[in-house]
Structures are given as structure tokens and as C-alpha cells.
Amino acid sequence: AWLAPLPGGTENLLCRELRLPGDPVAAALRLLRGRVARRDVGMLGGRFFVVMAGVGFDGEVVARVTPAWKRAVGGVAAHLGHTLWSLALLRPRMFAVSWLRRTSRNIHQVVFSIGPRYGGGLLLSPGADPADGRLDVALLPWRGRVGRLAQFVSLLGRGMRTPFEPVRARVRSARVRGATPLAAQVDGEPFLVTNPGVSVRPGALWVLQGAGG
């Protein structure tokens, strides 16, 4: 597929990764001087994603942040507020993530990334290369509510090393398995999924990016 993206969402993560400004007209003008590059495409539970996809906690948060709430308080503030509320009150749903011959259990959030950006200013997978044919995985095991809050704070720390760092991997495919349907999101679009497979299609997207990108 071919894509020339214009910003129009809450955080415009893809446009930011492609060095495009937040104004659609300015972005269009920069695309006229841009260049074409290849980018990987991921798939989770039969749905494509071009930036990141998550299962578990972040899927639950995204599902609760309605468009009306975004308009009322702002997109980033809405997600942050629901994240803190969910940390305090939501009962976590545990699941397992398997890749190659390894399985991580007692996971309550996993994010599969094409690029480094996640949202709210977080670089959840700072080493992710969108054209390396792999997904960067960040797994967050459940360590109690205090430990979950520490995990969140460590992610905000931008490189701050703590005992609560995510478990990281780089994979071509994986499988998520839970006892019940799990909340998920692909590029910020929430849905429910049961035992989804995750995979990557290397270089499947031709994308026009800003000059110098």
C-alpha cells in the first residue's frame, strides 16, 4: 500500500515519526518536498497497525476515553486521567504472551511497536526501527498496584532505569492467550479480542515522509 498521511488525530504519532508538522496544510506542503520510504505493518487479531498495538491495560484505558471526553479536557489529559483512575480501581486481567520458545505469564499489558512512539510523550520502545521487519515488544508483568504505578512512573522517566522496567523483546510473531476476551487497541482504536496472533509484514507500506525524514 501507498500512504501520504496528514495529521488529524489526538497525537498524530505516525506524522510525528515522519517529521510532519501538526498543521494539515503545512504537512501537505512538506509532503510535496518529501521522499518515499518503506515501513513495516503489524497485524493483531486480524487488524492492521502502523505505529503500535496493545493488549490488556492500555486497551481498557483507550476504550474508556470517549471522543466527547477528549474534546472536553484534551486528548493527552483524558488518557492520563483515565490511566491513573484505572491504576487505582480496575481489576487487572492477566494473560500470557508467547514467542519463539518463550512464554511470559502474569502479564497485564503488552505493547507491540513498529516505531518508537507510544502516546503521551512516551517512547515505549525507543530502539524500534520501523523498517527492520520486526516488532519491538514491551511486556508489563503484574506487580501489584504500587508496582504498576512505579512501572508507569519509570516509563515517564525517559530513560530512567528502575527495577520496574518492561520485559523487552524483538519478534516477528507472537501469541497472546487469556482465559477471557481481552481489551486491545491498534493505533488507538479499541476492540475486544480472544487469544490473538500478532505478526509483522516487512516493508508492506510505502509512505511519503517529510523532507529530511
N, C-alpha and C. Protein backbone atom coordinates (compact mmCIF):
# COMPACT_ATOMS: atom_id res chain seq x y z
N ALA A 1 0.84 -1.20 0.00
CA ALA A 1 0.00 0.00 0.00
C ALA A 1 0.88 1.25 0.00
N TRP A 2 0.31 2.34 -0.50
CA TRP A 2 0.98 3.65 -0.50
C TRP A 2 0.22 4.58 0.43
N LEU A 3 0.94 5.43 1.16
CA LEU A 3 0.29 6.31 2.13
C LEU A 3 1.01 7.65 2.19
N ALA A 4 0.22 8.73 2.15
CA ALA A 4 0.72 10.08 2.42
C ALA A 4 -0.14 10.62 3.57
N PRO A 5 0.32 10.54 4.80
CA PRO A 5 -0.54 10.86 5.96
C PRO A 5 -0.63 12.36 6.23
N LEU A 6 -1.78 12.77 6.73
CA LEU A 6 -1.98 14.14 7.21
C LEU A 6 -2.45 14.07 8.66
N PRO A 7 -2.01 14.99 9.52
CA PRO A 7 -2.40 14.96 10.94
C PRO A 7 -3.87 15.34 11.12
N GLY A 8 -4.55 14.60 11.98
CA GLY A 8 -5.95 14.91 12.26
C GLY A 8 -6.46 14.21 13.50
N GLY A 9 -5.56 13.50 14.21
CA GLY A 9 -5.96 12.75 15.39
C GLY A 9 -5.57 13.45 16.68
N THR A 10 -5.55 12.69 17.76
CA THR A 10 -5.23 13.25 19.06
C THR A 10 -3.75 13.58 19.19
N GLU A 11 -2.90 12.64 18.81
CA GLU A 11 -1.45 12.85 18.97
C GLU A 11 -0.68 12.71 17.66
N ASN A 12 -1.30 12.15 16.64
CA ASN A 12 -0.68 12.08 15.31
C ASN A 12 0.71 11.43 15.36
N LEU A 13 0.77 10.25 15.98
CA LEU A 13 2.07 9.62 16.20
C LEU A 13 2.79 9.30 14.90
N LEU A 14 2.05 8.79 13.90
CA LEU A 14 2.70 8.45 12.64
C LEU A 14 3.28 9.70 11.98
N CYS A 15 2.51 10.77 11.95
CA CYS A 15 3.00 12.01 11.34
C CYS A 15 4.24 12.54 12.07
N ARG A 16 4.24 12.43 13.39
CA ARG A 16 5.40 12.89 14.15
C ARG A 16 6.62 12.05 13.85
N GLU A 17 6.44 10.73 13.70
CA GLU A 17 7.57 9.87 13.35
C GLU A 17 8.10 10.20 11.96
N LEU A 18 7.22 10.69 11.09
CA LEU A 18 7.60 11.02 9.72
C LEU A 18 8.03 12.47 9.57
N ARG A 19 8.22 13.16 10.70
CA ARG A 19 8.71 14.54 10.73
C ARG A 19 7.77 15.51 10.02
N LEU A 20 6.48 15.33 10.24
CA LEU A 20 5.48 16.22 9.65
C LEU A 20 4.93 17.14 10.73
N PRO A 21 4.66 18.40 10.41
CA PRO A 21 4.09 19.33 11.40
C PRO A 21 2.65 18.99 11.72
N GLY A 22 2.14 19.56 12.82
CA GLY A 22 0.79 19.26 13.27
C GLY A 22 -0.30 19.92 12.46
N ASP A 23 0.02 20.94 11.70
CA ASP A 23 -0.97 21.62 10.86
C ASP A 23 -1.11 20.87 9.53
N PRO A 24 -2.33 20.49 9.14
CA PRO A 24 -2.51 19.69 7.92
C PRO A 24 -2.00 20.38 6.66
N VAL A 25 -2.21 21.69 6.54
CA VAL A 25 -1.75 22.40 5.34
C VAL A 25 -0.22 22.41 5.29
N ALA A 26 0.41 22.72 6.42
CA ALA A 26 1.87 22.71 6.46
C ALA A 26 2.41 21.31 6.19
N ALA A 27 1.72 20.28 6.69
CA ALA A 27 2.16 18.91 6.45
C ALA A 27 2.06 18.57 4.96
N ALA A 28 0.97 18.99 4.30
CA ALA A 28 0.80 18.72 2.88
C ALA A 28 1.90 19.39 2.06
N LEU A 29 2.24 20.61 2.43
CA LEU A 29 3.30 21.32 1.71
C LEU A 29 4.65 20.62 1.89
N ARG A 30 4.90 20.10 3.09
CA ARG A 30 6.16 19.41 3.31
C ARG A 30 6.19 18.08 2.55
N LEU A 31 5.03 17.42 2.43
CA LEU A 31 4.99 16.16 1.69
C LEU A 31 5.33 16.37 0.22
N LEU A 32 5.02 17.55 -0.31
CA LEU A 32 5.35 17.84 -1.71
C LEU A 32 6.86 17.80 -1.94
N ARG A 33 7.63 18.05 -0.88
CA ARG A 33 9.08 18.03 -0.99
C ARG A 33 9.67 16.78 -0.31
N GLY A 34 8.79 15.87 0.07
CA GLY A 34 9.23 14.70 0.82
C GLY A 34 9.79 13.60 -0.05
N ARG A 35 10.04 12.46 0.59
CA ARG A 35 10.56 11.30 -0.13
C ARG A 35 9.83 10.05 0.33
N VAL A 36 9.88 9.02 -0.47
CA VAL A 36 9.19 7.77 -0.17
C VAL A 36 10.12 6.82 0.58
N ALA A 37 9.58 6.15 1.58
CA ALA A 37 10.35 5.16 2.35
C ALA A 37 9.46 3.95 2.61
N ARG A 38 10.08 2.82 2.86
CA ARG A 38 9.34 1.60 3.22
C ARG A 38 9.14 1.56 4.72
N ARG A 39 8.00 0.98 5.13
CA ARG A 39 7.69 0.86 6.55
C ARG A 39 6.97 -0.46 6.77
N ASP A 40 7.31 -1.11 7.89
CA ASP A 40 6.64 -2.36 8.23
C ASP A 40 5.20 -2.11 8.66
N VAL A 41 4.39 -3.14 8.55
CA VAL A 41 3.00 -3.10 9.01
C VAL A 41 2.76 -4.29 9.93
N GLY A 42 2.13 -4.04 11.07
CA GLY A 42 1.82 -5.11 12.00
C GLY A 42 0.37 -5.55 11.89
N MET A 43 0.08 -6.72 12.42
CA MET A 43 -1.31 -7.22 12.47
C MET A 43 -1.53 -7.87 13.82
N LEU A 44 -2.60 -7.49 14.49
CA LEU A 44 -3.00 -8.07 15.77
C LEU A 44 -4.47 -8.44 15.69
N GLY A 45 -4.78 -9.72 15.88
CA GLY A 45 -6.16 -10.16 15.86
C GLY A 45 -6.89 -9.83 14.58
N GLY A 46 -6.18 -9.87 13.44
CA GLY A 46 -6.80 -9.60 12.16
C GLY A 46 -6.90 -8.14 11.79
N ARG A 47 -6.32 -7.23 12.61
CA ARG A 47 -6.37 -5.80 12.32
C ARG A 47 -4.96 -5.26 12.14
N PHE A 48 -4.81 -4.42 11.13
CA PHE A 48 -3.51 -3.85 10.83
C PHE A 48 -3.18 -2.68 11.76
N PHE A 49 -1.88 -2.45 11.97
CA PHE A 49 -1.44 -1.23 12.66
C PHE A 49 -0.12 -0.78 12.06
N VAL A 50 0.11 0.54 12.11
CA VAL A 50 1.31 1.11 11.50
C VAL A 50 2.20 1.79 12.53
N VAL A 51 1.74 1.95 13.77
CA VAL A 51 2.56 2.54 14.83
C VAL A 51 2.71 1.55 15.98
N MET A 52 1.61 1.18 16.62
CA MET A 52 1.69 0.26 17.75
C MET A 52 0.32 -0.35 18.02
N ALA A 53 0.34 -1.47 18.75
CA ALA A 53 -0.88 -2.15 19.18
C ALA A 53 -0.66 -2.67 20.59
N GLY A 54 -1.71 -2.73 21.37
CA GLY A 54 -1.58 -3.19 22.75
C GLY A 54 -2.72 -4.09 23.16
N VAL A 55 -2.46 -4.93 24.14
CA VAL A 55 -3.47 -5.81 24.72
C VAL A 55 -3.40 -5.66 26.23
N GLY A 56 -4.57 -5.65 26.87
CA GLY A 56 -4.62 -5.57 28.32
C GLY A 56 -4.95 -4.18 28.82
N PHE A 57 -4.12 -3.68 29.72
CA PHE A 57 -4.42 -2.44 30.42
C PHE A 57 -4.64 -1.26 29.50
N ASP A 58 -3.74 -1.05 28.52
CA ASP A 58 -3.91 0.13 27.69
C ASP A 58 -5.13 0.02 26.78
N GLY A 59 -5.49 -1.22 26.40
CA GLY A 59 -6.73 -1.40 25.64
C GLY A 59 -7.95 -0.99 26.44
N GLU A 60 -7.93 -1.30 27.74
CA GLU A 60 -9.04 -0.91 28.60
C GLU A 60 -9.12 0.61 28.75
N VAL A 61 -7.96 1.25 28.90
CA VAL A 61 -7.95 2.71 29.03
C VAL A 61 -8.45 3.38 27.76
N VAL A 62 -7.94 2.94 26.60
CA VAL A 62 -8.35 3.55 25.33
C VAL A 62 -9.85 3.41 25.13
N ALA A 63 -10.41 2.26 25.51
CA ALA A 63 -11.85 2.05 25.33
C ALA A 63 -12.69 3.00 26.17
N ARG A 64 -12.15 3.47 27.29
CA ARG A 64 -12.89 4.35 28.18
C ARG A 64 -12.77 5.84 27.82
N VAL A 65 -11.79 6.17 27.00
CA VAL A 65 -11.59 7.58 26.64
C VAL A 65 -12.44 7.87 25.41
N THR A 66 -13.62 8.42 25.61
CA THR A 66 -14.56 8.69 24.53
C THR A 66 -14.18 9.97 23.80
N PRO A 67 -14.62 10.13 22.55
CA PRO A 67 -14.38 11.39 21.82
C PRO A 67 -14.88 12.62 22.56
N ALA A 68 -16.04 12.49 23.23
CA ALA A 68 -16.59 13.63 23.97
C ALA A 68 -15.66 14.03 25.12
N TRP A 69 -15.09 13.03 25.80
CA TRP A 69 -14.18 13.32 26.91
C TRP A 69 -12.89 13.95 26.39
N LYS A 70 -12.41 13.50 25.23
CA LYS A 70 -11.22 14.12 24.63
C LYS A 70 -11.47 15.59 24.33
N ARG A 71 -12.64 15.88 23.75
CA ARG A 71 -12.95 17.27 23.41
C ARG A 71 -13.07 18.13 24.66
N ALA A 72 -13.56 17.54 25.74
CA ALA A 72 -13.82 18.31 26.95
C ALA A 72 -12.53 18.69 27.68
N VAL A 73 -11.58 17.77 27.77
CA VAL A 73 -10.39 18.03 28.58
C VAL A 73 -9.09 17.97 27.79
N GLY A 74 -9.17 17.57 26.51
CA GLY A 74 -7.95 17.41 25.72
C GLY A 74 -7.52 15.96 25.68
N GLY A 75 -6.99 15.53 24.53
CA GLY A 75 -6.69 14.11 24.34
C GLY A 75 -5.68 13.55 25.31
N VAL A 76 -4.53 14.23 25.49
CA VAL A 76 -3.49 13.72 26.38
C VAL A 76 -3.97 13.70 27.82
N ALA A 77 -4.64 14.77 28.26
CA ALA A 77 -5.16 14.84 29.63
C ALA A 77 -6.20 13.76 29.87
N ALA A 78 -7.04 13.49 28.87
CA ALA A 78 -8.07 12.46 29.02
C ALA A 78 -7.44 11.09 29.22
N HIS A 79 -6.42 10.77 28.43
CA HIS A 79 -5.76 9.47 28.58
C HIS A 79 -5.02 9.37 29.92
N LEU A 80 -4.36 10.45 30.32
CA LEU A 80 -3.64 10.41 31.59
C LEU A 80 -4.60 10.24 32.76
N GLY A 81 -5.72 10.97 32.73
CA GLY A 81 -6.70 10.85 33.81
C GLY A 81 -7.28 9.45 33.91
N HIS A 82 -7.64 8.86 32.79
CA HIS A 82 -8.18 7.50 32.81
C HIS A 82 -7.12 6.48 33.18
N THR A 83 -5.86 6.74 32.82
CA THR A 83 -4.79 5.83 33.21
C THR A 83 -4.65 5.78 34.73
N LEU A 84 -4.61 6.95 35.36
CA LEU A 84 -4.48 6.99 36.81
C LEU A 84 -5.70 6.41 37.50
N TRP A 85 -6.90 6.70 36.98
CA TRP A 85 -8.13 6.13 37.54
C TRP A 85 -8.11 4.61 37.44
N SER A 86 -7.68 4.11 36.28
CA SER A 86 -7.66 2.66 36.06
C SER A 86 -6.62 1.98 36.94
N LEU A 87 -5.47 2.64 37.15
CA LEU A 87 -4.45 2.09 38.03
C LEU A 87 -5.00 1.87 39.44
N ALA A 88 -5.83 2.81 39.87
CA ALA A 88 -6.34 2.75 41.24
C ALA A 88 -7.51 1.79 41.39
N LEU A 89 -8.36 1.65 40.36
CA LEU A 89 -9.63 0.99 40.57
C LEU A 89 -9.85 -0.26 39.73
N LEU A 90 -9.26 -0.36 38.55
CA LEU A 90 -9.55 -1.50 37.70
C LEU A 90 -8.93 -2.79 38.24
N ARG A 91 -9.69 -3.85 38.13
CA ARG A 91 -9.16 -5.16 38.48
C ARG A 91 -8.38 -5.69 37.27
N PRO A 92 -7.08 -5.98 37.42
CA PRO A 92 -6.28 -6.38 36.27
C PRO A 92 -6.68 -7.76 35.74
N ARG A 93 -6.60 -7.92 34.43
CA ARG A 93 -6.83 -9.21 33.78
C ARG A 93 -5.49 -9.74 33.30
N MET A 94 -5.14 -10.93 33.75
CA MET A 94 -3.83 -11.50 33.44
C MET A 94 -3.90 -12.38 32.19
N PHE A 95 -2.77 -12.45 31.50
CA PHE A 95 -2.68 -13.30 30.32
C PHE A 95 -1.22 -13.66 30.10
N ALA A 96 -0.99 -14.49 29.10
CA ALA A 96 0.37 -14.92 28.76
C ALA A 96 0.70 -14.49 27.34
N VAL A 97 1.97 -14.24 27.10
CA VAL A 97 2.45 -13.88 25.76
C VAL A 97 3.56 -14.85 25.39
N SER A 98 3.43 -15.48 24.22
CA SER A 98 4.42 -16.47 23.77
C SER A 98 5.05 -16.03 22.46
N TRP A 99 6.36 -16.26 22.35
CA TRP A 99 7.07 -16.03 21.10
C TRP A 99 8.27 -16.97 21.07
N LEU A 100 8.61 -17.44 19.87
CA LEU A 100 9.63 -18.47 19.72
C LEU A 100 9.34 -19.60 20.71
N ARG A 101 10.28 -19.90 21.61
CA ARG A 101 10.02 -20.96 22.59
C ARG A 101 9.89 -20.38 24.00
N ARG A 102 9.56 -19.13 24.10
CA ARG A 102 9.48 -18.46 25.39
C ARG A 102 8.03 -18.03 25.67
N THR A 103 7.64 -18.10 26.94
CA THR A 103 6.32 -17.64 27.37
C THR A 103 6.47 -16.80 28.63
N SER A 104 5.90 -15.60 28.60
CA SER A 104 5.84 -14.75 29.80
C SER A 104 4.41 -14.77 30.32
N ARG A 105 4.24 -15.08 31.61
CA ARG A 105 2.91 -15.18 32.21
C ARG A 105 2.69 -14.04 33.19
N ASN A 106 1.46 -13.97 33.67
CA ASN A 106 1.09 -12.95 34.65
C ASN A 106 1.29 -11.54 34.09
N ILE A 107 1.04 -11.39 32.78
CA ILE A 107 1.16 -10.11 32.11
C ILE A 107 -0.18 -9.38 32.17
N HIS A 108 -0.16 -8.08 32.40
CA HIS A 108 -1.42 -7.34 32.37
C HIS A 108 -1.42 -6.25 31.29
N GLN A 109 -0.27 -6.07 30.62
CA GLN A 109 -0.21 -5.15 29.49
C GLN A 109 0.96 -5.53 28.60
N VAL A 110 0.70 -5.56 27.30
CA VAL A 110 1.77 -5.77 26.33
C VAL A 110 1.54 -4.82 25.16
N VAL A 111 2.62 -4.24 24.67
CA VAL A 111 2.55 -3.33 23.53
C VAL A 111 3.53 -3.82 22.46
N PHE A 112 3.02 -3.92 21.23
CA PHE A 112 3.83 -4.29 20.07
C PHE A 112 4.02 -3.04 19.23
N SER A 113 5.27 -2.66 18.99
CA SER A 113 5.56 -1.38 18.34
C SER A 113 6.27 -1.56 17.01
N ILE A 114 5.81 -0.77 16.02
CA ILE A 114 6.54 -0.62 14.76
C ILE A 114 7.60 0.46 14.93
N GLY A 115 7.19 1.60 15.48
CA GLY A 115 8.09 2.72 15.72
C GLY A 115 8.25 2.98 17.21
N PRO A 116 9.02 3.99 17.58
CA PRO A 116 9.35 4.21 19.00
C PRO A 116 8.25 4.87 19.82
N ARG A 117 7.33 5.60 19.18
CA ARG A 117 6.38 6.41 19.94
C ARG A 117 5.18 5.59 20.41
N TYR A 118 4.66 5.99 21.58
CA TYR A 118 3.50 5.31 22.14
C TYR A 118 2.34 6.27 22.35
N GLY A 119 2.55 7.40 22.94
CA GLY A 119 1.48 8.33 23.26
C GLY A 119 1.78 9.03 24.57
N GLY A 120 1.25 10.23 24.73
CA GLY A 120 1.50 10.98 25.94
C GLY A 120 2.97 11.35 26.10
N GLY A 121 3.69 11.39 24.99
CA GLY A 121 5.11 11.72 25.05
C GLY A 121 6.01 10.55 25.38
N LEU A 122 5.44 9.35 25.56
CA LEU A 122 6.25 8.18 25.92
C LEU A 122 6.95 7.60 24.70
N LEU A 123 8.20 7.24 24.87
CA LEU A 123 8.93 6.43 23.89
C LEU A 123 9.02 5.03 24.48
N LEU A 124 7.97 4.26 24.32
CA LEU A 124 7.89 2.96 24.99
C LEU A 124 8.93 1.99 24.45
N SER A 125 9.23 2.09 23.17
CA SER A 125 10.25 1.23 22.55
C SER A 125 11.23 2.13 21.82
N PRO A 126 12.12 2.80 22.56
CA PRO A 126 12.97 3.83 21.96
C PRO A 126 13.90 3.31 20.87
N GLY A 127 14.20 2.01 20.87
CA GLY A 127 15.09 1.47 19.86
C GLY A 127 14.38 0.90 18.64
N ALA A 128 13.05 1.06 18.56
CA ALA A 128 12.30 0.44 17.47
C ALA A 128 12.66 1.06 16.13
N ASP A 129 12.89 0.21 15.14
CA ASP A 129 13.18 0.62 13.77
C ASP A 129 11.97 0.23 12.92
N PRO A 130 11.27 1.20 12.33
CA PRO A 130 10.04 0.88 11.58
C PRO A 130 10.27 0.13 10.28
N ALA A 131 11.51 -0.17 9.94
CA ALA A 131 11.78 -0.87 8.68
C ALA A 131 12.71 -2.06 8.88
N ASP A 132 12.73 -2.64 10.10
CA ASP A 132 13.65 -3.77 10.34
C ASP A 132 12.98 -5.13 10.23
N GLY A 133 11.68 -5.14 9.90
CA GLY A 133 10.98 -6.42 9.75
C GLY A 133 10.64 -7.11 11.04
N ARG A 134 10.67 -6.36 12.17
CA ARG A 134 10.35 -6.96 13.47
C ARG A 134 9.49 -6.02 14.30
N LEU A 135 8.84 -6.59 15.30
CA LEU A 135 8.06 -5.82 16.26
C LEU A 135 8.84 -5.71 17.56
N ASP A 136 8.93 -4.51 18.11
CA ASP A 136 9.52 -4.33 19.44
C ASP A 136 8.41 -4.52 20.46
N VAL A 137 8.64 -5.40 21.42
CA VAL A 137 7.62 -5.78 22.39
C VAL A 137 8.02 -5.28 23.78
N ALA A 138 7.07 -4.66 24.47
CA ALA A 138 7.25 -4.26 25.87
C ALA A 138 6.17 -4.96 26.68
N LEU A 139 6.57 -5.85 27.59
CA LEU A 139 5.64 -6.60 28.44
C LEU A 139 5.71 -6.07 29.86
N LEU A 140 4.56 -5.87 30.47
CA LEU A 140 4.49 -5.39 31.84
C LEU A 140 3.83 -6.45 32.72
N PRO A 141 4.62 -7.18 33.52
CA PRO A 141 4.05 -8.15 34.45
C PRO A 141 3.32 -7.42 35.58
N TRP A 142 2.35 -8.09 36.16
CA TRP A 142 1.61 -7.50 37.28
C TRP A 142 2.43 -7.62 38.55
N ARG A 143 2.69 -6.50 39.21
CA ARG A 143 3.45 -6.48 40.46
C ARG A 143 2.69 -5.73 41.54
N GLY A 144 1.37 -5.82 41.51
CA GLY A 144 0.56 -5.10 42.48
C GLY A 144 0.33 -3.66 42.03
N ARG A 145 -0.60 -2.99 42.70
CA ARG A 145 -0.95 -1.63 42.27
C ARG A 145 0.20 -0.65 42.50
N VAL A 146 0.91 -0.81 43.60
CA VAL A 146 2.05 0.07 43.84
C VAL A 146 3.13 -0.17 42.79
N GLY A 147 3.39 -1.44 42.48
CA GLY A 147 4.38 -1.76 41.46
C GLY A 147 3.95 -1.26 40.09
N ARG A 148 2.64 -1.33 39.80
CA ARG A 148 2.14 -0.84 38.50
C ARG A 148 2.32 0.66 38.40
N LEU A 149 2.09 1.37 39.47
CA LEU A 149 2.31 2.82 39.46
C LEU A 149 3.79 3.13 39.25
N ALA A 150 4.66 2.34 39.89
CA ALA A 150 6.10 2.53 39.70
C ALA A 150 6.50 2.27 38.26
N GLN A 151 5.87 1.26 37.62
CA GLN A 151 6.13 1.00 36.22
C GLN A 151 5.77 2.22 35.37
N PHE A 152 4.60 2.78 35.65
CA PHE A 152 4.14 3.95 34.90
C PHE A 152 5.09 5.12 35.08
N VAL A 153 5.51 5.37 36.30
CA VAL A 153 6.43 6.47 36.57
C VAL A 153 7.77 6.25 35.87
N SER A 154 8.24 4.99 35.85
CA SER A 154 9.52 4.70 35.20
C SER A 154 9.43 4.96 33.70
N LEU A 155 8.27 4.70 33.09
CA LEU A 155 8.11 4.97 31.67
C LEU A 155 8.11 6.46 31.38
N LEU A 156 7.58 7.24 32.33
CA LEU A 156 7.60 8.70 32.17
C LEU A 156 9.00 9.27 32.36
N GLY A 157 9.89 8.45 32.95
CA GLY A 157 11.21 8.95 33.29
C GLY A 157 12.15 9.11 32.11
N ARG A 158 11.73 8.68 30.90
CA ARG A 158 12.53 8.87 29.69
C ARG A 158 13.98 8.39 29.86
N GLY A 159 14.11 7.09 30.00
CA GLY A 159 15.46 6.54 30.11
C GLY A 159 15.88 6.24 31.53
N MET A 160 15.09 6.63 32.51
CA MET A 160 15.42 6.35 33.90
C MET A 160 15.34 4.84 34.14
N ARG A 161 16.40 4.23 34.61
CA ARG A 161 16.43 2.80 34.84
C ARG A 161 15.89 2.48 36.23
N THR A 162 14.93 1.58 36.30
CA THR A 162 14.34 1.18 37.57
C THR A 162 14.13 -0.34 37.54
N PRO A 163 13.85 -0.95 38.71
CA PRO A 163 13.55 -2.39 38.73
C PRO A 163 12.23 -2.72 38.04
N PHE A 164 11.46 -1.69 37.66
CA PHE A 164 10.13 -1.92 37.10
C PHE A 164 10.11 -1.74 35.58
N GLU A 165 11.29 -1.77 34.96
CA GLU A 165 11.35 -1.66 33.50
C GLU A 165 10.54 -2.79 32.85
N PRO A 166 9.92 -2.54 31.68
CA PRO A 166 9.23 -3.62 30.97
C PRO A 166 10.20 -4.72 30.55
N VAL A 167 9.66 -5.92 30.41
CA VAL A 167 10.39 -7.01 29.77
C VAL A 167 10.34 -6.73 28.27
N ARG A 168 11.48 -6.74 27.61
CA ARG A 168 11.52 -6.34 26.20
C ARG A 168 11.97 -7.51 25.31
N ALA A 169 11.46 -7.49 24.09
CA ALA A 169 11.84 -8.50 23.10
C ALA A 169 11.66 -7.88 21.71
N ARG A 170 12.22 -8.56 20.72
CA ARG A 170 12.07 -8.14 19.32
C ARG A 170 11.69 -9.39 18.55
N VAL A 171 10.50 -9.38 17.94
CA VAL A 171 9.94 -10.62 17.39
C VAL A 171 9.36 -10.39 16.00
N ARG A 172 9.15 -11.49 15.30
CA ARG A 172 8.43 -11.46 14.02
C ARG A 172 6.97 -11.87 14.21
N SER A 173 6.72 -12.66 15.26
CA SER A 173 5.34 -13.08 15.55
C SER A 173 5.23 -13.45 17.01
N ALA A 174 4.01 -13.46 17.51
CA ALA A 174 3.76 -13.80 18.91
C ALA A 174 2.30 -14.22 19.05
N ARG A 175 1.96 -14.72 20.24
CA ARG A 175 0.59 -15.12 20.53
C ARG A 175 0.24 -14.67 21.94
N VAL A 176 -0.94 -14.06 22.09
CA VAL A 176 -1.45 -13.65 23.40
C VAL A 176 -2.56 -14.61 23.78
N ARG A 177 -2.51 -15.15 25.00
CA ARG A 177 -3.51 -16.12 25.44
C ARG A 177 -4.05 -15.72 26.81
N GLY A 178 -5.38 -15.62 26.89
CA GLY A 178 -6.05 -15.30 28.14
C GLY A 178 -7.28 -16.16 28.33
N ALA A 179 -7.77 -16.22 29.57
CA ALA A 179 -8.93 -17.06 29.87
C ALA A 179 -10.22 -16.44 29.35
N THR A 180 -10.26 -15.14 29.14
CA THR A 180 -11.45 -14.43 28.67
C THR A 180 -11.05 -13.47 27.55
N PRO A 181 -12.03 -12.94 26.80
CA PRO A 181 -11.69 -11.91 25.81
C PRO A 181 -10.99 -10.73 26.48
N LEU A 182 -10.01 -10.17 25.80
CA LEU A 182 -9.18 -9.11 26.35
C LEU A 182 -9.39 -7.81 25.58
N ALA A 183 -9.25 -6.70 26.30
CA ALA A 183 -9.29 -5.39 25.65
C ALA A 183 -8.00 -5.21 24.85
N ALA A 184 -8.13 -4.63 23.67
CA ALA A 184 -6.96 -4.39 22.82
C ALA A 184 -7.17 -3.08 22.07
N GLN A 185 -6.08 -2.60 21.48
CA GLN A 185 -6.17 -1.42 20.63
C GLN A 185 -5.10 -1.50 19.54
N VAL A 186 -5.44 -1.01 18.37
CA VAL A 186 -4.47 -0.89 17.29
C VAL A 186 -4.46 0.57 16.87
N ASP A 187 -3.32 1.22 17.01
CA ASP A 187 -3.18 2.65 16.69
C ASP A 187 -4.28 3.48 17.33
N GLY A 188 -4.63 3.12 18.58
CA GLY A 188 -5.60 3.89 19.33
C GLY A 188 -7.05 3.53 19.11
N GLU A 189 -7.34 2.50 18.30
CA GLU A 189 -8.71 2.06 18.06
C GLU A 189 -9.00 0.82 18.90
N PRO A 190 -9.93 0.91 19.89
CA PRO A 190 -10.14 -0.21 20.82
C PRO A 190 -11.07 -1.29 20.25
N PHE A 191 -10.87 -2.52 20.71
CA PHE A 191 -11.75 -3.63 20.39
C PHE A 191 -11.46 -4.77 21.35
N LEU A 192 -12.30 -5.80 21.35
CA LEU A 192 -12.09 -6.99 22.17
C LEU A 192 -11.53 -8.11 21.30
N VAL A 193 -10.66 -8.92 21.89
CA VAL A 193 -10.01 -9.96 21.11
C VAL A 193 -9.79 -11.19 21.98
N THR A 194 -9.81 -12.35 21.36
CA THR A 194 -9.61 -13.62 22.07
C THR A 194 -8.39 -14.33 21.51
N ASN A 195 -7.39 -14.52 22.36
CA ASN A 195 -6.16 -15.26 22.00
C ASN A 195 -5.61 -14.83 20.64
N PRO A 196 -5.30 -13.56 20.46
CA PRO A 196 -4.89 -13.10 19.14
C PRO A 196 -3.46 -13.49 18.77
N GLY A 197 -3.25 -13.73 17.50
CA GLY A 197 -1.91 -13.81 16.97
C GLY A 197 -1.44 -12.42 16.58
N VAL A 198 -0.12 -12.23 16.62
CA VAL A 198 0.49 -10.95 16.26
C VAL A 198 1.62 -11.24 15.26
N SER A 199 1.68 -10.45 14.20
CA SER A 199 2.71 -10.67 13.20
C SER A 199 3.09 -9.36 12.54
N VAL A 200 4.14 -9.41 11.73
CA VAL A 200 4.62 -8.22 11.02
C VAL A 200 4.78 -8.55 9.54
N ARG A 201 4.44 -7.58 8.70
CA ARG A 201 4.65 -7.71 7.26
C ARG A 201 5.75 -6.71 6.87
N PRO A 202 6.97 -7.20 6.67
CA PRO A 202 8.10 -6.30 6.43
C PRO A 202 7.92 -5.45 5.17
N GLY A 203 8.14 -4.15 5.31
CA GLY A 203 8.14 -3.25 4.17
C GLY A 203 6.85 -3.20 3.39
N ALA A 204 5.72 -3.53 4.04
CA ALA A 204 4.45 -3.62 3.31
C ALA A 204 3.86 -2.25 2.95
N LEU A 205 4.39 -1.18 3.55
CA LEU A 205 3.83 0.15 3.34
C LEU A 205 4.87 1.07 2.69
N TRP A 206 4.48 1.69 1.60
CA TRP A 206 5.27 2.78 1.01
C TRP A 206 4.71 4.07 1.57
N VAL A 207 5.49 4.81 2.32
CA VAL A 207 4.99 6.01 2.99
C VAL A 207 5.79 7.23 2.57
N LEU A 208 5.06 8.32 2.33
CA LEU A 208 5.71 9.59 1.98
C LEU A 208 5.98 10.34 3.27
N GLN A 209 7.22 10.71 3.52
CA GLN A 209 7.58 11.37 4.75
C GLN A 209 8.21 12.72 4.46
N GLY A 210 8.26 13.56 5.51
CA GLY A 210 8.74 14.92 5.36
C GLY A 210 10.18 14.99 4.88
N ALA A 211 10.52 16.10 4.28
CA ALA A 211 11.89 16.30 3.81
C ALA A 211 12.86 16.14 4.97
N GLY A 212 13.91 15.38 4.74
CA GLY A 212 14.89 15.13 5.79
C GLY A 212 14.52 13.98 6.69
N GLY A 213 13.32 13.33 6.49
CA GLY A 213 12.90 12.26 7.35
C GLY A 213 13.57 10.95 7.01
